């Protein structure tokens, strides 16, 4: 049996580099569940932020500082969403790849 690929976690290592989890728990362990919960929060936060940004962008009286602030937050939310997508995509590839057939 092939060992699973390391899971990209939704938070960086202390160095700022990507953080991975190597585990055979098939997503049932504490860190895997914590990562799942954090991904859910990140995506929900991005959705909420998008709603606020749309309202702000419609407001003709919005100040440049407000627009810059929401732009920075949107960039952070997009970064988080792309990280979640990358992590989930890697896990989907693992499920779809049956590996070599036994001889």
C-alpha atoms as a PDB file:
ATOM      1  CA  UNK A   1       0.000   0.000   0.000  1.00  0.00           C
ATOM      2  CA  UNK A   2       1.278   3.424  -0.963  1.00  0.00           C
ATOM      3  CA  UNK A   3       1.616   5.968   1.856  1.00  0.00           C
ATOM      4  CA  UNK A   4      -0.560   9.068   1.472  1.00  0.00           C
ATOM      5  CA  UNK A   5       0.877  12.304   0.151  1.00  0.00           C
ATOM      6  CA  UNK A   6       1.567  14.941   2.815  1.00  0.00           C
ATOM      7  CA  UNK A   7      -1.436  17.236   3.364  1.00  0.00           C
ATOM      8  CA  UNK A   8      -0.920  20.970   2.851  1.00  0.00           C
ATOM      9  CA  UNK A   9      -2.229  22.623   6.006  1.00  0.00           C
ATOM     10  CA  UNK A  10      -4.123  25.938   5.988  1.00  0.00           C
ATOM     11  CA  UNK A  11      -1.521  27.667   8.177  1.00  0.00           C
ATOM     12  CA  UNK A  12       2.145  28.344   7.462  1.00  0.00           C
ATOM     13  CA  UNK A  13       5.091  27.020   9.439  1.00  0.00           C
ATOM     14  CA  UNK A  14       6.874  29.498  11.740  1.00  0.00           C
ATOM     15  CA  UNK A  15       9.265  30.265   8.880  1.00  0.00           C
ATOM     16  CA  UNK A  16       6.316  31.322   6.707  1.00  0.00           C
ATOM     17  CA  UNK A  17       6.837  28.348   4.411  1.00  0.00           C
ATOM     18  CA  UNK A  18       4.057  25.842   3.668  1.00  0.00           C
ATOM     19  CA  UNK A  19       3.269  23.410   6.481  1.00  0.00           C
ATOM     20  CA  UNK A  20       2.416  19.778   5.750  1.00  0.00           C
ATOM     21  CA  UNK A  21       0.941  16.914   7.736  1.00  0.00           C
ATOM     22  CA  UNK A  22       2.179  13.395   7.140  1.00  0.00           C
ATOM     23  CA  UNK A  23      -0.330  10.933   8.540  1.00  0.00           C
ATOM     24  CA  UNK A  24      -1.999   7.613   7.857  1.00  0.00           C
ATOM     25  CA  UNK A  25      -5.178   8.580   9.750  1.00  0.00           C
ATOM     26  CA  UNK A  26      -7.203   9.170   6.529  1.00  0.00           C
ATOM     27  CA  UNK A  27      -8.295  12.551   7.819  1.00  0.00           C
ATOM     28  CA  UNK A  28      -9.636  11.290  11.139  1.00  0.00           C
ATOM     29  CA  UNK A  29      -6.862  12.589  13.407  1.00  0.00           C
ATOM     30  CA  UNK A  30      -6.941  15.710  15.553  1.00  0.00           C
ATOM     31  CA  UNK A  31      -4.707  17.841  13.276  1.00  0.00           C
ATOM     32  CA  UNK A  32      -6.645  16.771  10.158  1.00  0.00           C
ATOM     33  CA  UNK A  33      -9.953  17.722  11.784  1.00  0.00           C
ATOM     34  CA  UNK A  34      -8.499  21.019  13.009  1.00  0.00           C
ATOM     35  CA  UNK A  35      -7.286  21.786   9.467  1.00  0.00           C
ATOM     36  CA  UNK A  36     -10.738  20.938   8.063  1.00  0.00           C
ATOM     37  CA  UNK A  37     -12.369  23.311  10.560  1.00  0.00           C
ATOM     38  CA  UNK A  38      -9.891  26.083   9.788  1.00  0.00           C
ATOM     39  CA  UNK A  39     -10.455  25.702   6.043  1.00  0.00           C
ATOM     40  CA  UNK A  40     -14.198  26.005   6.620  1.00  0.00           C
ATOM     41  CA  UNK A  41     -13.707  29.186   8.666  1.00  0.00           C
ATOM     42  CA  UNK A  42     -11.344  30.643   6.054  1.00  0.00           C
ATOM     43  CA  UNK A  43     -13.807  30.035   3.223  1.00  0.00           C
ATOM     44  CA  UNK A  44     -16.746  31.394   5.228  1.00  0.00           C
ATOM     45  CA  UNK A  45     -14.728  34.481   6.158  1.00  0.00           C
ATOM     46  CA  UNK A  46     -13.863  35.046   2.495  1.00  0.00           C
ATOM     47  CA  UNK A  47     -17.527  34.778   1.533  1.00  0.00           C
ATOM     48  CA  UNK A  48     -18.543  37.270   4.234  1.00  0.00           C
ATOM     49  CA  UNK A  49     -15.739  39.633   3.247  1.00  0.00           C
ATOM     50  CA  UNK A  50     -16.796  39.504  -0.396  1.00  0.00           C
ATOM     51  CA  UNK A  51     -20.285  40.645   0.600  1.00  0.00           C
ATOM     52  CA  UNK A  52     -18.863  43.586   2.566  1.00  0.00           C
ATOM     53  CA  UNK A  53     -16.500  44.493  -0.275  1.00  0.00           C
ATOM     54  CA  UNK A  54     -19.325  44.562  -2.809  1.00  0.00           C
ATOM     55  CA  UNK A  55     -21.293  46.942  -0.595  1.00  0.00           C
ATOM     56  CA  UNK A  56     -18.269  49.171  -0.091  1.00  0.00           C
ATOM     57  CA  UNK A  57     -17.508  49.255  -3.811  1.00  0.00           C
ATOM     58  CA  UNK A  58     -21.060  50.441  -4.530  1.00  0.00           C
ATOM     59  CA  UNK A  59     -20.681  53.277  -2.017  1.00  0.00           C
ATOM     60  CA  UNK A  60     -19.532  56.345  -3.973  1.00  0.00           C
ATOM     61  CA  UNK A  61     -18.514  57.999  -0.687  1.00  0.00           C
ATOM     62  CA  UNK A  62     -16.090  55.235   0.263  1.00  0.00           C
ATOM     63  CA  UNK A  63     -12.649  56.601   1.094  1.00  0.00           C
ATOM     64  CA  UNK A  64      -9.392  55.379  -0.439  1.00  0.00           C
ATOM     65  CA  UNK A  65      -8.252  54.043   2.951  1.00  0.00           C
ATOM     66  CA  UNK A  66     -11.403  51.931   3.272  1.00  0.00           C
ATOM     67  CA  UNK A  67     -10.954  50.576  -0.233  1.00  0.00           C
ATOM     68  CA  UNK A  68      -7.271  49.762   0.392  1.00  0.00           C
ATOM     69  CA  UNK A  69      -8.195  48.008   3.638  1.00  0.00           C
ATOM     70  CA  UNK A  70     -10.849  45.842   1.986  1.00  0.00           C
ATOM     71  CA  UNK A  71      -8.464  45.182  -0.930  1.00  0.00           C
ATOM     72  CA  UNK A  72      -5.825  43.859   1.470  1.00  0.00           C
ATOM     73  CA  UNK A  73      -8.379  41.683   3.256  1.00  0.00           C
ATOM     74  CA  UNK A  74      -9.662  40.339  -0.090  1.00  0.00           C
ATOM     75  CA  UNK A  75      -6.090  39.473  -1.090  1.00  0.00           C
ATOM     76  CA  UNK A  76      -5.650  37.573   2.184  1.00  0.00           C
ATOM     77  CA  UNK A  77      -8.957  35.752   1.672  1.00  0.00           C
ATOM     78  CA  UNK A  78      -7.996  34.831  -1.896  1.00  0.00           C
ATOM     79  CA  UNK A  79      -4.641  33.512  -0.678  1.00  0.00           C
ATOM     80  CA  UNK A  80      -6.441  31.357   1.904  1.00  0.00           C
ATOM     81  CA  UNK A  81      -8.980  30.094  -0.650  1.00  0.00           C
ATOM     82  CA  UNK A  82      -6.247  29.161  -3.132  1.00  0.00           C
ATOM     83  CA  UNK A  83      -4.366  27.289  -0.400  1.00  0.00           C
ATOM     84  CA  UNK A  84      -7.545  25.377   0.499  1.00  0.00           C
ATOM     85  CA  UNK A  85      -8.136  24.574  -3.176  1.00  0.00           C
ATOM     86  CA  UNK A  86      -4.551  23.364  -3.605  1.00  0.00           C
ATOM     87  CA  UNK A  87      -4.752  21.182  -0.502  1.00  0.00           C
ATOM     88  CA  UNK A  88      -8.110  19.686  -1.459  1.00  0.00           C
ATOM     89  CA  UNK A  89      -6.998  19.188  -5.044  1.00  0.00           C
ATOM     90  CA  UNK A  90      -3.962  17.211  -3.925  1.00  0.00           C
ATOM     91  CA  UNK A  91      -6.181  15.008  -1.758  1.00  0.00           C
ATOM     92  CA  UNK A  92      -8.603  14.444  -4.661  1.00  0.00           C
ATOM     93  CA  UNK A  93      -5.707  13.368  -6.865  1.00  0.00           C
ATOM     94  CA  UNK A  94      -4.736  10.815  -4.223  1.00  0.00           C
ATOM     95  CA  UNK A  95      -8.257   9.363  -4.237  1.00  0.00           C
ATOM     96  CA  UNK A  96      -8.444   9.234  -8.035  1.00  0.00           C
ATOM     97  CA  UNK A  97      -5.020   7.632  -8.509  1.00  0.00           C
ATOM     98  CA  UNK A  98      -5.452   3.906  -7.882  1.00  0.00           C
ATOM     99  CA  UNK A  99      -1.704   3.386  -8.059  1.00  0.00           C
ATOM    100  CA  UNK A 100      -0.008   0.441  -9.717  1.00  0.00           C
ATOM    101  CA  UNK A 101      -2.023  -2.722 -10.059  1.00  0.00           C
ATOM    102  CA  UNK A 102      -0.804  -5.692  -8.016  1.00  0.00           C
ATOM    103  CA  UNK A 103       1.044  -8.320 -10.035  1.00  0.00           C
END
